[in-house]
Protein backbone atom coordinates (compact mmCIF):
# COMPACT_ATOMS: atom_id res chain seq x y z
CA MET A 1 -0.04 0.47 0.10
CA GLN A 2 1.25 3.79 -0.64
CA MET A 3 0.77 6.92 0.83
CA ILE A 4 1.92 10.27 -0.01
CA ILE A 5 2.27 13.29 2.60
CA VAL A 6 1.50 16.90 1.20
CA ASP A 7 2.77 20.00 2.69
CA ASP A 8 4.60 22.96 1.63
CA GLU A 9 6.25 23.25 4.69
CA ALA A 10 9.06 20.88 4.10
CA HIS A 11 9.83 20.06 8.17
CA TRP A 12 6.42 18.59 8.37
CA VAL A 13 6.57 16.37 5.21
CA ASP A 14 10.14 15.06 6.02
CA ASN A 15 9.35 14.44 9.78
CA LEU A 16 5.81 12.52 9.31
CA SER A 17 7.41 10.40 6.63
CA THR A 18 10.24 9.46 7.86
CA THR A 19 9.65 9.21 11.95
CA LYS A 20 6.66 7.31 12.14
CA PRO A 21 6.01 3.46 11.90
CA TRP A 22 4.16 3.27 8.92
CA HIS A 23 5.17 -0.08 7.75
CA THR A 24 3.69 -1.74 10.95
CA LEU A 25 0.26 -0.52 9.58
CA GLY A 26 0.92 -2.01 6.10
CA ILE A 27 2.25 1.08 4.07
CA ASP A 28 5.27 -0.14 1.95
CA VAL A 29 5.73 3.20 0.30
CA VAL A 30 5.32 6.98 1.71
CA HIS A 31 6.06 9.62 -0.84
CA LYS A 32 6.73 13.16 -0.39
CA ALA A 33 5.15 16.15 -2.20
CA TYR A 34 6.02 19.47 -1.38
CA SER A 35 2.78 21.08 -3.13
CA ALA A 36 -0.57 19.90 -4.01
CA GLN A 37 0.44 20.32 -8.00
CA GLU A 38 3.89 18.03 -7.13
CA ALA A 39 1.61 15.64 -5.32
CA LEU A 40 -0.71 15.20 -8.58
CA GLN A 41 2.25 14.52 -10.81
CA ILE A 42 3.33 11.90 -8.37
CA MET A 43 -0.20 10.47 -8.43
CA GLU A 44 0.01 10.24 -11.97
CA SER A 45 2.49 7.59 -11.96
CA HIS A 46 2.39 5.72 -8.70
CA PRO A 47 -0.85 3.96 -7.27
CA ILE A 48 -1.56 6.17 -4.13
CA ASP A 49 -3.92 4.51 -1.71
CA ILE A 50 -3.78 7.39 1.10
CA VAL A 51 -3.30 10.99 1.06
CA ILE A 52 -2.26 13.35 4.14
CA SER A 53 -2.40 16.97 3.08
CA ASP A 54 -2.17 20.26 4.88
CA VAL A 55 -5.26 22.39 4.36
CA LEU A 56 -3.61 25.77 3.19
CA MET A 57 -1.04 25.74 0.61
CA PRO A 58 0.05 27.80 -2.20
CA GLU A 59 -1.30 27.61 -5.70
CA MET A 60 -4.00 24.93 -4.46
CA THR A 61 -5.47 24.29 -1.24
CA GLY A 62 -5.85 20.57 0.68
CA ILE A 63 -9.76 20.81 -0.18
CA GLU A 64 -8.99 21.84 -3.54
CA LEU A 65 -6.57 18.97 -4.39
CA MET A 66 -9.25 16.29 -2.46
CA GLU A 67 -11.63 17.59 -5.08
CA LYS A 68 -8.76 17.19 -8.19
CA ILE A 69 -8.41 13.63 -6.82
CA ARG A 70 -12.15 12.89 -6.74
CA GLU A 71 -12.61 13.83 -10.46
CA SER A 72 -10.37 10.32 -11.26
CA ASP A 73 -10.61 8.49 -8.48
CA GLN A 74 -13.06 7.89 -5.79
CA ARG A 75 -11.30 5.20 -3.69
CA VAL A 76 -8.39 7.09 -2.44
CA LYS A 77 -8.46 8.43 1.11
CA CYS A 78 -7.48 11.56 2.24
CA ILE A 79 -6.92 13.14 5.61
CA ILE A 80 -6.26 16.56 6.08
CA LEU A 81 -3.93 18.57 8.49
CA SER A 82 -4.71 21.89 9.92
CA GLY A 83 -3.40 24.83 12.07
CA TYR A 84 -6.58 26.14 11.90
CA SER A 85 -9.83 25.12 13.57
CA ASP A 86 -12.57 26.24 10.85
CA PHE A 87 -15.74 24.89 10.50
CA GLU A 88 -15.70 25.70 7.26
CA TYR A 89 -12.62 23.67 6.35
CA THR A 90 -14.17 20.72 8.13
CA LYS A 91 -17.43 20.90 6.27
CA GLU A 92 -15.83 21.30 3.01
CA ALA A 93 -13.32 18.02 3.88
CA LEU A 94 -16.03 16.03 5.08
CA ARG A 95 -18.20 16.96 1.95
CA ASN A 96 -15.41 14.99 -0.05
CA GLN A 97 -15.26 12.39 2.04
CA ALA A 98 -11.86 12.94 4.16
CA VAL A 99 -11.43 10.15 6.49
CA ASP A 100 -10.54 12.79 9.32
CA TYR A 101 -9.75 16.24 9.76
CA LEU A 102 -6.97 16.72 12.23
CA LEU A 103 -5.29 19.87 13.86
CA LYS A 104 -1.36 20.20 14.03
CA PRO A 105 0.43 18.91 15.60
CA PRO A 106 -1.67 15.81 15.71
CA THR A 107 -0.62 13.17 18.19
CA ASP A 108 0.85 9.80 17.12
CA GLN A 109 -2.28 8.02 18.42
CA GLU A 110 -4.65 10.46 16.26
CA LEU A 111 -2.19 10.23 12.98
CA LEU A 112 -1.88 6.76 12.89
CA GLY A 113 -5.43 5.97 14.14
CA ALA A 114 -6.55 7.75 11.16
CA VAL A 115 -4.42 6.13 8.75
CA LYS A 116 -5.36 3.00 10.19
CA LEU A 117 -9.22 3.94 10.01
CA ALA A 118 -8.25 4.85 5.97
CA ILE A 119 -6.74 1.34 5.44
CA GLU A 120 -9.90 -0.48 6.98
CA GLN A 121 -12.05 1.36 4.65
CA LEU A 122 -9.80 0.49 1.45
CA GLU A 123 -9.94 -3.08 2.76
CA THR A 124 -13.51 -3.03 2.91
CA GLU A 125 -14.12 -1.42 -0.22
CA TRP A 126 -11.74 -3.41 -2.40
CA GLY A 127 -13.01 -6.71 -0.31
CA THR A 128 -16.42 -5.88 -1.78
CA VAL A 129 -15.17 -5.66 -5.19
CA SER A 130 -13.57 -8.85 -5.09
CA SER A 131 -15.49 -10.72 -3.02
CA LEU A 132 -16.14 -14.02 -4.05
CA GLU A 133 -19.84 -13.69 -4.72
CA ARG A 134 -19.30 -11.03 -6.94
CA THR A 135 -16.80 -12.77 -9.13
CA ARG A 136 -19.41 -15.97 -8.89
CA HIS A 137 -22.00 -13.54 -10.35
CA ILE A 138 -19.61 -12.21 -13.11
CA LEU A 139 -18.71 -15.64 -13.55
CA ARG A 140 -22.20 -17.00 -14.45
CA GLU A 141 -23.19 -14.28 -16.61
CA ASN A 142 -20.31 -15.12 -19.27
CA MET A 143 -20.45 -18.38 -18.65
CA PRO A 144 -21.80 -19.24 -22.01
CA PHE A 145 -19.55 -17.36 -23.90
CA LEU A 146 -16.72 -18.82 -21.81
CA ARG A 147 -17.85 -22.45 -22.19
CA GLY A 148 -18.08 -21.51 -26.27
CA GLN A 149 -14.59 -20.20 -26.45
CA LEU A 150 -13.13 -23.13 -24.76
CA LEU A 151 -14.58 -25.65 -27.40
CA LEU A 152 -13.99 -23.18 -30.18
CA SER A 153 -10.18 -23.38 -29.19
CA ALA A 154 -10.31 -27.14 -28.66
CA PHE A 155 -11.45 -26.96 -32.46
CA ARG A 156 -8.73 -25.14 -33.49
CA GLY A 157 -6.17 -27.17 -32.07
CA GLU A 158 -5.06 -25.43 -29.08
CA ARG A 159 -3.64 -28.07 -26.65
CA LEU A 160 -4.22 -27.68 -22.95
CA PRO A 161 -2.64 -30.12 -20.22
CA LEU A 162 -5.01 -32.60 -19.00
CA ASP A 163 -5.12 -31.09 -15.66
CA GLU A 164 -5.82 -27.61 -17.22
CA TRP A 165 -8.83 -29.51 -18.80
CA GLU A 166 -9.72 -30.75 -15.96
CA ARG A 167 -9.75 -27.38 -13.89
CA ARG A 168 -11.43 -25.74 -16.66
CA LEU A 169 -14.48 -28.10 -16.95
CA ASP A 170 -15.37 -28.08 -13.37
CA SER A 171 -14.64 -24.21 -13.22
CA TYR A 172 -17.54 -23.69 -16.08
CA GLY A 173 -19.52 -26.34 -14.43
CA LEU A 174 -19.02 -29.08 -17.62
CA PRO A 175 -19.77 -32.54 -16.74
CA TYR A 176 -17.71 -34.44 -19.02
CA ARG A 177 -14.99 -36.88 -18.43
CA PHE A 178 -12.16 -37.77 -20.28
CA GLY A 179 -12.74 -40.74 -22.71
CA GLU A 180 -15.45 -41.68 -25.19
CA CYS A 181 -17.18 -38.89 -26.92
CA ALA A 182 -19.19 -38.03 -30.27
CA LEU A 183 -19.58 -34.76 -32.10
CA MET A 184 -22.42 -33.35 -34.32
CA LEU A 185 -21.99 -30.64 -36.82
CA VAL A 186 -25.57 -29.11 -37.47
CA ARG A 187 -26.08 -27.10 -41.14
CA MET A 188 -29.11 -24.83 -40.98
CA GLU A 189 -30.32 -24.92 -44.58
CA GLU A 190 -31.91 -21.73 -46.64
CA GLU A 191 -35.20 -21.61 -45.02
CA PHE A 192 -33.16 -20.01 -42.15
CA GLY A 193 -31.65 -17.37 -44.88
CA GLN A 194 -34.87 -14.93 -43.97
CA TYR A 195 -33.16 -14.12 -40.35
CA ARG A 196 -29.91 -13.43 -41.69
CA ASN A 197 -30.09 -9.93 -40.92
CA ASN A 198 -32.89 -10.13 -38.29
CA GLY A 199 -33.38 -12.82 -35.50
CA GLN A 200 -30.48 -15.52 -36.77
CA HIS A 201 -28.98 -15.69 -33.34
CA LEU A 202 -32.52 -16.21 -31.84
CA MET A 203 -32.83 -19.23 -34.35
CA GLU A 204 -29.59 -20.81 -33.28
CA TYR A 205 -30.18 -20.38 -29.56
CA ALA A 206 -33.69 -22.33 -30.20
CA ILE A 207 -32.18 -24.87 -32.30
CA MET A 208 -29.45 -25.28 -29.28
CA ASN A 209 -31.92 -25.46 -26.50
CA ILE A 210 -34.27 -27.84 -28.99
CA ALA A 211 -31.08 -30.04 -28.96
CA GLU A 212 -29.94 -30.01 -25.57
CA GLU A 213 -33.69 -31.15 -24.32
CA ILE A 214 -33.87 -33.93 -26.97
CA PHE A 215 -30.22 -35.09 -25.92
CA GLY A 216 -30.09 -34.15 -22.67
CA ASP A 217 -32.43 -37.47 -21.43
CA PHE A 218 -29.16 -39.68 -21.96
CA ALA A 219 -26.11 -37.50 -22.81
CA HIS A 220 -24.48 -33.99 -22.21
CA ALA A 221 -24.57 -31.64 -25.20
CA TRP A 222 -22.13 -29.04 -25.34
CA GLY A 223 -23.01 -26.72 -28.19
CA VAL A 224 -21.16 -23.62 -29.94
CA LYS A 225 -21.63 -21.86 -33.16
CA GLU A 226 -18.11 -22.40 -34.69
CA GLU A 227 -16.59 -20.16 -37.37
CA HIS A 228 -17.87 -21.78 -40.45
CA GLY A 229 -21.35 -21.34 -39.36
CA TYR A 230 -22.12 -24.53 -38.24
CA LEU A 231 -23.59 -25.29 -34.83
CA ALA A 232 -21.43 -27.93 -32.98
CA PHE A 233 -22.27 -29.91 -30.19
CA LEU A 234 -19.84 -32.32 -28.32
CA LEU A 235 -21.74 -35.63 -27.07
CA GLN A 236 -21.18 -38.16 -24.12
CA PHE A 237 -23.46 -40.26 -22.59
CA LYS A 238 -24.42 -39.79 -19.03
CA GLU A 239 -23.07 -42.16 -16.55
CA ASN A 240 -24.57 -45.98 -16.50
CA PRO A 241 -27.30 -44.67 -19.68
CA ALA A 242 -30.33 -46.70 -19.62
CA ILE A 243 -30.21 -47.23 -23.16
CA ALA A 244 -29.09 -49.73 -25.80
CA GLY A 245 -26.76 -49.12 -28.88
CA LYS A 246 -25.26 -45.78 -28.24
CA GLU A 247 -24.61 -45.09 -31.77
CA SER A 248 -28.12 -45.53 -33.07
CA SER A 249 -29.55 -43.47 -30.20
CA LEU A 250 -27.42 -40.72 -31.01
CA GLU A 251 -28.54 -40.94 -34.71
CA LYS A 252 -32.15 -41.16 -33.54
CA ALA A 253 -32.18 -38.44 -31.39
CA ALA A 254 -30.62 -36.37 -34.55
CA MET A 255 -33.22 -37.17 -36.30
CA HIS A 256 -35.62 -36.38 -34.01
CA LEU A 257 -34.21 -32.51 -33.55
CA GLN A 258 -34.48 -32.45 -37.53
CA ALA A 259 -38.38 -33.14 -37.09
CA LYS A 260 -38.84 -30.65 -33.93
CA VAL A 261 -36.98 -27.88 -35.67
CA LYS A 262 -39.09 -28.54 -38.64
CA GLN A 263 -42.23 -28.50 -36.97
CA TYR A 264 -41.65 -25.40 -34.54
CA LEU A 265 -39.02 -23.10 -36.24
CA ASN A 266 -40.26 -24.20 -40.00
CA GLY A 267 -36.74 -24.78 -41.24
CA SER A 268 -34.63 -28.07 -42.36
CA LEU A 269 -31.08 -29.28 -40.86
CA SER A 270 -28.61 -31.25 -42.11
CA ILE A 271 -26.42 -33.05 -39.78
CA VAL A 272 -23.20 -35.01 -39.37
CA MET A 273 -22.08 -37.00 -36.69
CA THR A 274 -18.93 -38.80 -36.07
CA ASP A 275 -18.24 -41.79 -34.58
CA SER A 276 -16.71 -42.14 -30.91
CA PHE A 277 -13.29 -40.81 -30.03
CA ASP A 278 -11.08 -40.04 -27.20
CA PHE A 279 -11.83 -36.72 -25.81
CA PRO A 280 -9.99 -34.53 -25.69
CA ASN A 281 -7.15 -35.57 -27.38
CA LYS A 282 -8.94 -36.60 -30.76
CA LEU A 283 -11.39 -33.84 -30.76
CA SER A 284 -9.79 -31.37 -33.17
CA ASP A 285 -8.97 -34.44 -35.41
CA ARG A 286 -12.64 -34.91 -35.45
CA TYR A 287 -13.85 -31.69 -35.70
CA ARG A 288 -11.71 -31.22 -39.23
CA HIS A 289 -12.85 -34.60 -40.50
CA ALA A 290 -16.46 -33.87 -39.70
CA LEU A 291 -15.97 -30.26 -41.57
CA ALA A 292 -14.23 -32.30 -44.77
CA TYR A 293 -16.90 -34.87 -44.65
CA PHE A 294 -19.69 -31.86 -45.08
CA ARG A 295 -17.52 -30.34 -47.95
CA GLN A 296 -16.82 -33.40 -49.76
CA ILE A 297 -19.51 -35.89 -49.37
CA VAL A 298 -22.35 -33.73 -48.40
CA GLY A 299 -21.94 -31.22 -50.66
CA ASP A 300 -25.32 -29.34 -51.96
CA GLU A 301 -27.27 -32.20 -50.62
CA ARG A 302 -29.70 -31.54 -47.52
CA GLU A 303 -32.01 -32.29 -44.67
CA PHE A 304 -30.55 -35.77 -43.96
CA VAL A 305 -28.50 -37.34 -41.09
CA ILE A 306 -24.98 -39.23 -41.81
CA ARG A 307 -22.43 -40.52 -40.02
CA ALA A 308 -18.85 -39.59 -41.09
CA GLY A 309 -17.08 -42.75 -42.01
CA ASP A 310 -13.72 -42.96 -43.81
CA LEU A 311 -13.33 -40.30 -46.71
CA GLY A 312 -10.68 -42.26 -48.66
CA GLY A 313 -7.34 -42.04 -49.35
CA GLY A 314 -6.82 -40.94 -45.91
CA ALA A 315 -7.60 -37.22 -46.94
CA THR A 316 -7.09 -35.74 -43.39
CA ASN A 317 -4.52 -37.79 -42.88
CA GLY A 318 -1.51 -36.01 -44.22
CA VAL A 319 -2.32 -32.66 -42.67
CA LEU A 320 0.22 -30.34 -40.66
CA ASP A 321 -0.90 -29.74 -37.50
CA VAL A 322 1.54 -27.59 -35.25
CA ILE A 323 1.73 -24.58 -37.56
CA HIS A 324 -2.20 -24.50 -37.95
CA ALA A 325 -2.30 -24.38 -34.43
CA PRO A 326 -3.19 -21.56 -32.32
CA PRO A 327 -1.70 -19.24 -31.48
CA VAL A 328 -0.42 -18.90 -35.29
CA LEU A 329 2.87 -17.65 -35.90
CA GLY A 330 1.82 -14.44 -37.51
CA ALA A 331 -0.04 -13.21 -33.98
CA LEU A 332 3.13 -14.23 -32.19
CA LEU A 333 4.95 -11.42 -34.32
CA GLU A 334 2.64 -9.03 -34.27
CA ALA A 335 2.69 -9.27 -30.37
CA GLY A 336 6.13 -8.83 -30.17
CA ARG A 337 6.31 -12.82 -28.44
CA TRP A 338 9.68 -13.40 -29.85
CA GLU A 339 10.27 -16.33 -27.61
CA SER A 340 7.36 -17.71 -28.07
CA ALA A 341 7.54 -17.29 -32.26
CA GLU A 342 11.15 -18.89 -31.44
CA GLU A 343 9.19 -22.30 -29.45
CA LYS A 344 6.67 -22.28 -32.18
CA LEU A 345 9.41 -22.94 -35.05
CA THR A 346 11.10 -25.43 -32.73
CA GLU A 347 7.88 -27.42 -32.75
CA VAL A 348 6.91 -26.99 -36.13
CA PHE A 349 10.59 -28.53 -37.45
CA ALA A 350 9.86 -31.05 -34.78
CA GLU A 351 6.61 -32.18 -36.58
CA LEU A 352 8.46 -32.12 -39.86
CA ASP A 353 11.37 -33.96 -39.20
CA GLU A 354 8.97 -36.99 -36.95
CA ARG A 355 6.26 -36.92 -39.31
CA TRP A 356 7.40 -35.69 -42.83
CA SER A 357 10.94 -36.04 -43.10
CA ASP A 358 10.61 -37.49 -46.74
CA SER A 359 7.86 -35.20 -47.66
CA TRP A 360 9.13 -32.12 -49.70
CA GLU A 361 5.31 -30.93 -49.87
CA HIS A 362 4.99 -30.27 -46.30
CA CYS A 363 8.35 -28.62 -45.96
CA LEU A 364 6.93 -26.77 -48.71
CA GLU A 365 3.75 -26.07 -46.85
CA ALA A 366 5.34 -24.86 -43.81
CA GLY A 367 7.95 -22.65 -45.61
CA TYR A 368 5.30 -20.78 -47.90
CA LEU A 369 3.23 -20.11 -44.34
CA ILE A 370 6.35 -19.24 -42.51
CA ALA A 371 7.40 -17.11 -45.18
CA SER A 372 4.22 -15.58 -45.68
CA SER A 373 3.91 -14.52 -41.96
CA PHE A 374 7.57 -12.88 -41.87
CA THR A 375 6.29 -10.85 -45.11
CA ASN A 376 2.98 -9.83 -43.26
CA TYR A 377 4.81 -8.42 -40.52
CA CYS A 378 7.50 -6.71 -42.19
CA HIS A 379 4.89 -4.89 -44.48
CA ARG A 380 2.60 -4.06 -41.62
CA HIS A 381 5.63 -2.39 -39.86
CA GLY A 382 6.76 -0.33 -42.84
CA HIS A 383 9.63 -2.65 -43.88
CA THR A 384 10.44 -5.20 -46.73
CA LEU A 385 11.59 -8.56 -46.37
CA GLU A 386 14.03 -7.90 -48.82
CA GLY A 387 15.07 -5.13 -46.95
CA LEU A 388 15.42 -6.80 -43.50
CA LEU A 389 17.11 -10.15 -45.15
CA GLY A 390 19.41 -8.68 -47.99
CA GLY A 391 21.20 -11.43 -49.62
CA ASP A 392 19.03 -14.20 -47.74
CA ILE A 393 16.01 -13.05 -49.74
CA GLU A 394 17.56 -15.13 -53.09
CA LEU A 395 17.13 -18.25 -51.09
CA LEU A 396 13.48 -17.47 -51.05
CA ARG A 397 13.10 -16.27 -54.72
CA THR A 398 14.84 -19.39 -56.32
CA GLY A 399 13.13 -21.65 -53.35
CA GLU A 400 16.29 -23.18 -52.07
CA ALA A 401 15.29 -22.39 -48.37
CA PHE A 402 12.12 -25.09 -49.50
CA ALA A 403 14.69 -27.76 -50.72
CA SER A 404 15.13 -29.57 -47.21
CA ILE A 405 13.81 -29.00 -43.83
CA GLY A 406 17.39 -28.36 -42.80
CA LYS A 407 17.92 -25.44 -45.19
CA LEU A 408 14.19 -24.17 -44.09
CA ARG A 409 15.01 -24.40 -40.54
CA ASN A 410 18.27 -22.27 -40.96
CA TRP A 411 16.65 -19.92 -43.18
CA ALA A 412 13.84 -19.36 -40.91
CA PHE A 413 15.28 -18.91 -37.82
CA GLY A 414 17.75 -16.60 -39.19
CA ALA A 415 15.26 -14.21 -40.76
CA LEU A 416 13.22 -14.28 -37.55
CA GLY A 417 16.56 -13.01 -35.78
CA LYS A 418 16.78 -10.04 -38.11
CA LEU A 419 12.97 -9.39 -37.54
CA LYS A 420 13.50 -9.34 -33.90
CA GLU A 421 16.88 -7.12 -34.56
CA THR A 422 14.89 -4.81 -36.12
CA ALA A 423 11.75 -4.86 -34.24
CA SER A 424 14.19 -3.76 -31.28
CA ASN A 425 15.68 -0.97 -33.32
CA ASP A 426 12.27 0.38 -33.92
CA VAL A 427 11.05 0.47 -30.41
CA LYS A 428 14.09 2.33 -29.51
CA ASP A 429 13.57 4.80 -32.27
CA ILE A 430 10.15 5.62 -31.38
CA ARG A 431 11.03 6.01 -27.57
CA SER A 432 13.54 8.51 -28.68
CA VAL A 433 10.73 10.25 -30.60
CA TYR A 434 8.69 10.71 -27.79
CA VAL A 435 11.36 11.71 -25.78
CA ARG A 436 12.14 14.54 -28.10
CA LYS A 437 8.94 15.70 -28.26
CA ILE A 438 8.49 15.68 -24.37
CA GLN A 439 11.89 17.52 -24.12
CA SER A 440 11.27 19.85 -26.89
CA PHE A 441 7.76 20.97 -25.20
CA VAL A 442 9.02 21.22 -21.85
CA GLU A 443 11.46 23.67 -23.07
CA ALA A 444 8.91 25.58 -25.19
CA ASN A 445 6.25 25.75 -22.02
CA LEU A 446 8.26 25.85 -19.06
CA ARG A 447 6.07 28.73 -17.73
CA LEU A 448 2.92 26.72 -18.61
CA ASP A 449 1.31 23.19 -17.31
CA VAL A 450 3.88 20.59 -17.82
CA SER A 451 2.74 17.84 -15.68
CA LEU A 452 3.22 14.23 -16.55
CA ARG A 453 -0.82 14.78 -17.46
CA ALA A 454 -0.41 17.60 -19.82
CA LEU A 455 2.48 16.00 -21.29
CA ALA A 456 0.91 12.74 -22.09
CA ASP A 457 -2.06 14.21 -23.34
CA HIS A 458 0.64 16.16 -25.59
CA VAL A 459 2.02 12.84 -27.26
CA ASN A 460 -1.40 10.93 -26.58
CA LEU A 461 -0.01 8.53 -24.20
CA HIS A 462 -1.10 7.14 -20.84
CA PRO A 463 0.82 9.04 -18.29
CA THR A 464 1.80 5.45 -16.65
CA HIS A 465 2.79 4.69 -19.95
CA LEU A 466 5.08 7.63 -20.71
CA SER A 467 6.53 7.46 -17.35
CA LYS A 468 8.29 4.52 -17.76
CA LEU A 469 9.04 4.89 -21.30
CA TYR A 470 11.06 7.92 -20.89
CA LYS A 471 12.74 6.25 -17.49
CA ILE A 472 13.64 3.55 -19.69
CA GLU A 473 15.43 5.72 -22.45
CA THR A 474 17.08 8.33 -20.35
CA GLY A 475 17.37 6.76 -16.85
CA GLU A 476 15.54 9.70 -15.09
CA GLY A 477 11.63 10.31 -14.20
CA VAL A 478 9.88 12.73 -16.18
CA SER A 479 9.27 14.97 -13.24
CA ASP A 480 13.00 14.75 -12.53
CA PHE A 481 13.81 16.11 -15.77
CA VAL A 482 11.17 19.19 -15.77
CA TYR A 483 12.64 20.13 -12.40
CA ARG A 484 16.10 19.89 -13.41
CA LEU A 485 15.30 22.08 -16.39
CA ARG A 486 13.88 24.44 -14.17
CA MET A 487 16.60 24.85 -11.55
CA GLU A 488 18.90 25.07 -14.78
CA THR A 489 17.24 27.93 -16.40
CA ALA A 490 16.71 30.01 -13.04
CA CYS A 491 20.60 29.60 -12.48
CA HIS A 492 21.09 30.88 -16.12
CA LYS A 493 18.69 33.60 -15.74
CA LEU A 494 20.01 34.52 -12.47
CA LYS A 495 23.13 34.89 -13.68
CA THR A 496 22.62 36.45 -17.40
CA THR A 497 20.01 38.54 -16.63
CA ASP A 498 18.50 41.56 -14.35
CA LYS A 499 14.79 40.06 -14.07
CA LYS A 500 13.43 39.83 -10.80
CA VAL A 501 13.02 36.88 -8.64
CA TYR A 502 9.35 36.81 -8.89
CA GLU A 503 9.81 37.24 -12.72
CA ILE A 504 12.09 34.33 -12.99
CA SER A 505 10.07 32.16 -10.70
CA MET A 506 7.18 32.69 -13.04
CA GLU A 507 8.75 31.91 -16.28
CA ILE A 508 9.93 28.66 -15.11
CA GLY A 509 6.37 27.72 -13.85
CA TYR A 510 6.23 28.64 -10.08
CA LEU A 511 3.27 30.86 -9.67
CA ASP A 512 4.43 31.31 -5.89
CA PRO A 513 7.83 33.04 -5.41
CA ALA A 514 8.11 31.97 -2.12
CA TYR A 515 7.50 28.36 -2.83
CA PHE A 516 10.43 28.82 -5.67
CA ILE A 517 12.74 30.44 -3.24
CA LYS A 518 12.16 27.58 -1.11
CA VAL A 519 12.75 24.80 -3.75
CA PHE A 520 15.78 26.58 -4.98
CA LYS A 521 17.46 27.04 -1.59
CA LYS A 522 16.76 23.26 -0.97
CA GLN A 523 18.44 22.27 -4.54
CA TYR A 524 21.52 24.59 -4.05
CA GLY A 525 21.76 25.25 -0.27
CA GLN A 526 21.26 29.23 -0.82
CA THR A 527 18.53 31.79 -2.02
CA PRO A 528 18.47 32.86 -5.68
CA GLN A 529 19.38 36.30 -4.65
CA GLU A 530 22.28 34.65 -2.81
CA PHE A 531 23.06 32.95 -5.74
CA ARG A 532 22.88 35.77 -8.03
CA GLU A 533 25.43 37.60 -6.10
CA GLY A 534 27.81 34.73 -5.63
CA HIS A 535 27.82 34.43 -9.51
């Protein structure tokens, strides 16, 4: 938990931040701010939980600071310190939900008690937000979507360890066991076309409900609309079903589904069912097999129930698996997940070595997909593959890169390394551009608002992201740069001009000359006037 102490009197801030046993209350970090503006800048880049603020400060009062905080965060807890027992201040503090209003100097018991109360309020509020009941409610609302996404991911070939499958099936309330399952693909025929732009999803929902009702007497039916437009159902018999002939019972239920949809929804269905297979290991294979059956066997035929048998010639037995399984190579490149991209290529070539060592066509297929992913990445980021690879592009042009698995492996990993290096340089260039924009803006507008928020708005970045980016690139924080530039500019003006101290104060962004003098003396050990006289 983090806290900030705000007061224009430095001795109060330094004393309260360093002499009190804040760690005993669970406060990990105590920030110091000598003005309300400085406090707001710190709060833009740090997750502050508690604010202890003086009520009377130049530029902005503690009450006004609370109002600013409330504009963006209602949960931050504020404690007001004041040397005045003023009812109006107290009333305003309470209106802005201050935890307490303490008179200076507060006793340790009063101060620690107020902070403890703030912590208790925070824990209660965040406890409510993250409560188990709320989480369960949100989970229940999103359960159909989560179940559907899990099944779709499995169709696409995403591999999950068995213990992760168990965890998700249990979390999503899916009563499935590992082992024997069947898959049913349902195609809605042209009668449903009239609903394509108005009510299609209602028709799909109705068909799923009818299917669950019909199959529910003896089997679990987990349904989802897949990416090709079919309604897909994973079917598994319940424990000890009181039914004979499992395969025929599924076909009979599918025909029953057809009849009820025709009767109540005035539309026809075509249905392909698979033989039993091992779930979840063979789910993706059986799904692709059922798709191929619809495409090759069913074609334009309609309104029937058919079992997906052998397609002949092992049509789906020679398909590359790893390179098509999510996450695909292109998505990993676009996300900048370079280590994962390397692992993906390693798995691709392991599959080629193990299963297709004698197949030039599979090597060619993998090579084209890899080269296509690399080229797409380059074009999306303002480069050309030829520009990045140089002479290595000839291996692609001549087809030499596809001549063998070994040559393709060497070319692919070499090209990936160059893409990664270019991406790293692009990031550095982009950071440098942002840093130059920030520094130029601050130098030209030092007398104006150059807070972290204002700078972030200027370059269209989130304040926290901007703060981290600037720190990585320059080694100092944005506020440190602004402060340093203000002090250096002040020194230069004191040495080279006859301007009054208050004029210099205004020109470098300090509206209160007294505060400027205090900050300057803290930095250089002497007042601005003493500095001028010494130089």
